[in-house]
N, C-alpha and C. Protein backbone atom coordinates (compact mmCIF):
# COMPACT_ATOMS: atom_id res chain seq x y z
N MET A 1 13.83 8.88 -21.25
CA MET A 1 12.44 8.90 -21.67
C MET A 1 11.76 10.15 -21.12
N PHE A 2 11.75 10.30 -19.79
CA PHE A 2 11.16 11.49 -19.20
C PHE A 2 12.30 12.39 -18.76
N GLY A 3 12.54 13.43 -19.51
CA GLY A 3 13.62 14.34 -19.19
C GLY A 3 13.13 15.46 -18.29
N ILE A 4 13.14 15.23 -16.98
CA ILE A 4 12.71 16.26 -16.04
C ILE A 4 13.95 16.95 -15.51
N GLY A 5 14.12 18.20 -15.91
CA GLY A 5 15.27 18.97 -15.48
C GLY A 5 14.89 19.96 -14.39
N MET A 6 15.80 20.84 -14.07
CA MET A 6 15.59 21.82 -13.00
C MET A 6 14.44 22.78 -13.32
N PRO A 7 14.32 23.31 -14.54
CA PRO A 7 13.20 24.22 -14.80
C PRO A 7 11.83 23.55 -14.64
N GLU A 8 11.73 22.30 -15.08
CA GLU A 8 10.46 21.59 -14.94
C GLU A 8 10.11 21.35 -13.47
N LEU A 9 11.12 20.99 -12.67
CA LEU A 9 10.89 20.76 -11.25
C LEU A 9 10.47 22.05 -10.54
N LEU A 10 11.06 23.18 -10.92
CA LEU A 10 10.68 24.46 -10.32
C LEU A 10 9.25 24.84 -10.67
N VAL A 11 8.85 24.62 -11.92
CA VAL A 11 7.47 24.91 -12.33
C VAL A 11 6.50 24.00 -11.58
N LEU A 12 6.85 22.73 -11.45
CA LEU A 12 6.00 21.79 -10.73
C LEU A 12 5.88 22.19 -9.25
N LEU A 13 6.98 22.58 -8.63
CA LEU A 13 6.95 23.01 -7.23
C LEU A 13 6.10 24.27 -7.06
N LEU A 14 6.21 25.19 -8.01
CA LEU A 14 5.41 26.41 -7.96
C LEU A 14 3.92 26.10 -8.08
N ILE A 15 3.56 25.19 -8.96
CA ILE A 15 2.15 24.80 -9.12
C ILE A 15 1.63 24.15 -7.85
N VAL A 16 2.41 23.25 -7.26
CA VAL A 16 2.01 22.59 -6.01
C VAL A 16 1.87 23.61 -4.89
N LEU A 17 2.78 24.58 -4.83
CA LEU A 17 2.72 25.62 -3.80
C LEU A 17 1.48 26.47 -3.94
N VAL A 18 1.10 26.80 -5.17
CA VAL A 18 -0.09 27.61 -5.40
C VAL A 18 -1.35 26.82 -5.05
N ILE A 19 -1.39 25.53 -5.40
CA ILE A 19 -2.60 24.73 -5.17
C ILE A 19 -2.80 24.44 -3.68
N PHE A 20 -1.75 23.98 -3.00
CA PHE A 20 -1.91 23.52 -1.62
C PHE A 20 -1.51 24.56 -0.58
N GLY A 21 -0.69 25.50 -0.90
CA GLY A 21 -0.24 26.50 0.05
C GLY A 21 0.99 26.02 0.80
N ALA A 22 1.70 26.97 1.39
CA ALA A 22 2.97 26.65 2.06
C ALA A 22 2.76 25.83 3.33
N GLY A 23 1.63 25.99 3.99
CA GLY A 23 1.39 25.27 5.25
C GLY A 23 1.16 23.78 5.07
N LYS A 24 0.63 23.38 3.93
CA LYS A 24 0.30 21.97 3.69
C LYS A 24 1.47 21.17 3.11
N LEU A 25 2.50 21.84 2.62
CA LEU A 25 3.61 21.13 1.97
C LEU A 25 4.30 20.13 2.90
N PRO A 26 4.58 20.47 4.18
CA PRO A 26 5.20 19.46 5.05
C PRO A 26 4.31 18.23 5.27
N GLU A 27 3.01 18.45 5.41
CA GLU A 27 2.08 17.33 5.59
C GLU A 27 2.04 16.45 4.35
N ILE A 28 2.07 17.06 3.19
CA ILE A 28 2.07 16.30 1.94
C ILE A 28 3.36 15.49 1.84
N GLY A 29 4.48 16.10 2.22
CA GLY A 29 5.77 15.39 2.19
C GLY A 29 5.79 14.20 3.12
N VAL A 30 5.26 14.37 4.32
CA VAL A 30 5.21 13.26 5.28
C VAL A 30 4.32 12.14 4.76
N GLY A 31 3.17 12.48 4.22
CA GLY A 31 2.26 11.47 3.67
C GLY A 31 2.86 10.74 2.49
N LEU A 32 3.56 11.48 1.64
CA LEU A 32 4.20 10.86 0.48
C LEU A 32 5.33 9.93 0.92
N GLY A 33 6.09 10.35 1.94
CA GLY A 33 7.16 9.50 2.46
C GLY A 33 6.64 8.22 3.06
N LYS A 34 5.54 8.31 3.82
CA LYS A 34 4.93 7.11 4.40
C LYS A 34 4.40 6.18 3.31
N ALA A 35 3.83 6.75 2.27
CA ALA A 35 3.30 5.94 1.19
C ALA A 35 4.41 5.20 0.45
N ILE A 36 5.52 5.89 0.21
CA ILE A 36 6.64 5.24 -0.48
C ILE A 36 7.25 4.16 0.40
N ARG A 37 7.39 4.44 1.70
CA ARG A 37 7.93 3.43 2.63
C ARG A 37 7.03 2.20 2.69
N GLY A 38 5.72 2.41 2.75
CA GLY A 38 4.79 1.29 2.77
C GLY A 38 4.83 0.48 1.49
N PHE A 39 4.97 1.17 0.38
CA PHE A 39 5.06 0.48 -0.91
C PHE A 39 6.32 -0.38 -0.98
N LYS A 40 7.44 0.18 -0.54
CA LYS A 40 8.70 -0.59 -0.56
C LYS A 40 8.61 -1.79 0.38
N ARG A 41 8.01 -1.60 1.54
CA ARG A 41 7.85 -2.70 2.49
C ARG A 41 6.95 -3.78 1.91
N GLY A 42 5.90 -3.39 1.24
CA GLY A 42 4.99 -4.35 0.63
C GLY A 42 5.63 -5.12 -0.52
N MET A 43 6.53 -4.47 -1.24
CA MET A 43 7.19 -5.14 -2.35
C MET A 43 8.25 -6.12 -1.87
N SER A 44 8.85 -5.86 -0.70
CA SER A 44 9.93 -6.72 -0.23
C SER A 44 9.43 -7.91 0.58
N GLU A 45 8.22 -7.81 1.14
CA GLU A 45 7.68 -8.91 1.94
C GLU A 45 7.10 -9.98 1.02
N PRO A 46 7.25 -11.25 1.40
CA PRO A 46 6.65 -12.31 0.59
C PRO A 46 5.12 -12.29 0.73
N ASP A 47 4.46 -12.80 -0.29
CA ASP A 47 3.01 -12.87 -0.26
C ASP A 47 2.58 -13.91 0.77
N GLU A 48 1.66 -13.52 1.63
CA GLU A 48 1.15 -14.44 2.63
C GLU A 48 -0.34 -14.64 2.36
N ILE A 49 -0.65 -15.71 1.69
CA ILE A 49 -2.03 -16.03 1.37
C ILE A 49 -2.37 -17.32 2.07
N ASP A 50 -3.40 -17.28 2.91
CA ASP A 50 -3.83 -18.47 3.64
C ASP A 50 -4.83 -19.22 2.78
N VAL A 51 -4.48 -20.43 2.37
CA VAL A 51 -5.36 -21.22 1.52
C VAL A 51 -5.94 -22.42 2.24
N THR A 52 -5.75 -22.50 3.55
CA THR A 52 -6.31 -23.63 4.28
C THR A 52 -7.81 -23.41 4.45
N PRO A 53 -8.62 -24.47 4.26
CA PRO A 53 -10.07 -24.31 4.41
C PRO A 53 -10.44 -24.10 5.87
N ARG A 54 -11.45 -23.28 6.08
CA ARG A 54 -11.94 -23.04 7.44
C ARG A 54 -12.93 -24.12 7.83
N GLU A 55 -12.90 -24.48 9.09
CA GLU A 55 -13.83 -25.47 9.61
C GLU A 55 -14.96 -24.76 10.33
N ASN A 56 -16.17 -25.22 10.10
CA ASN A 56 -17.31 -24.68 10.84
C ASN A 56 -17.36 -25.36 12.20
N PRO A 57 -17.53 -24.61 13.28
CA PRO A 57 -17.51 -25.22 14.61
C PRO A 57 -18.66 -26.19 14.85
N GLY A 58 -19.81 -26.00 14.25
CA GLY A 58 -20.95 -26.88 14.44
C GLY A 58 -20.95 -28.08 13.53
N GLU A 59 -20.05 -28.10 12.58
CA GLU A 59 -20.01 -29.18 11.61
C GLU A 59 -19.11 -30.30 12.11
N LYS A 60 -19.63 -31.54 12.05
CA LYS A 60 -18.84 -32.69 12.49
C LYS A 60 -18.12 -33.28 11.30
N LYS A 61 -16.90 -33.71 11.54
CA LYS A 61 -16.15 -34.36 10.48
C LYS A 61 -16.41 -35.86 10.54
N ASN A 62 -16.65 -36.44 9.40
CA ASN A 62 -16.82 -37.89 9.31
C ASN A 62 -15.52 -38.51 8.82
N GLY A 63 -14.94 -39.31 9.66
CA GLY A 63 -13.72 -39.97 9.29
C GLY A 63 -14.03 -41.32 8.65
N PRO A 64 -13.00 -42.06 8.32
CA PRO A 64 -13.22 -43.38 7.73
C PRO A 64 -13.88 -44.32 8.73
N GLY A 65 -14.89 -45.03 8.28
CA GLY A 65 -15.59 -45.99 9.14
C GLY A 65 -16.69 -45.36 9.99
N GLN A 66 -16.94 -44.06 9.88
CA GLN A 66 -18.00 -43.41 10.66
C GLN A 66 -19.20 -43.16 9.79
N LYS A 67 -20.37 -43.22 10.41
CA LYS A 67 -21.61 -42.98 9.68
C LYS A 67 -21.91 -41.48 9.68
N PRO A 68 -22.49 -40.99 8.60
CA PRO A 68 -22.81 -39.55 8.52
C PRO A 68 -23.94 -39.17 9.42
């Protein structure tokens, strides 16, 4: 579908080099690596959603046989 060959990658690298400069490329690489690692970690971990209701500390619970 997306045929990205060597000439396209070289043009893309040249554009990135012109826009950000040679000094920023390592920082961009580190940030991109951390983002990919975080994404993979997020995809592999199960969803943890807490659906238990919260209790208010000042609110009293009325059990069976108790008056409100």
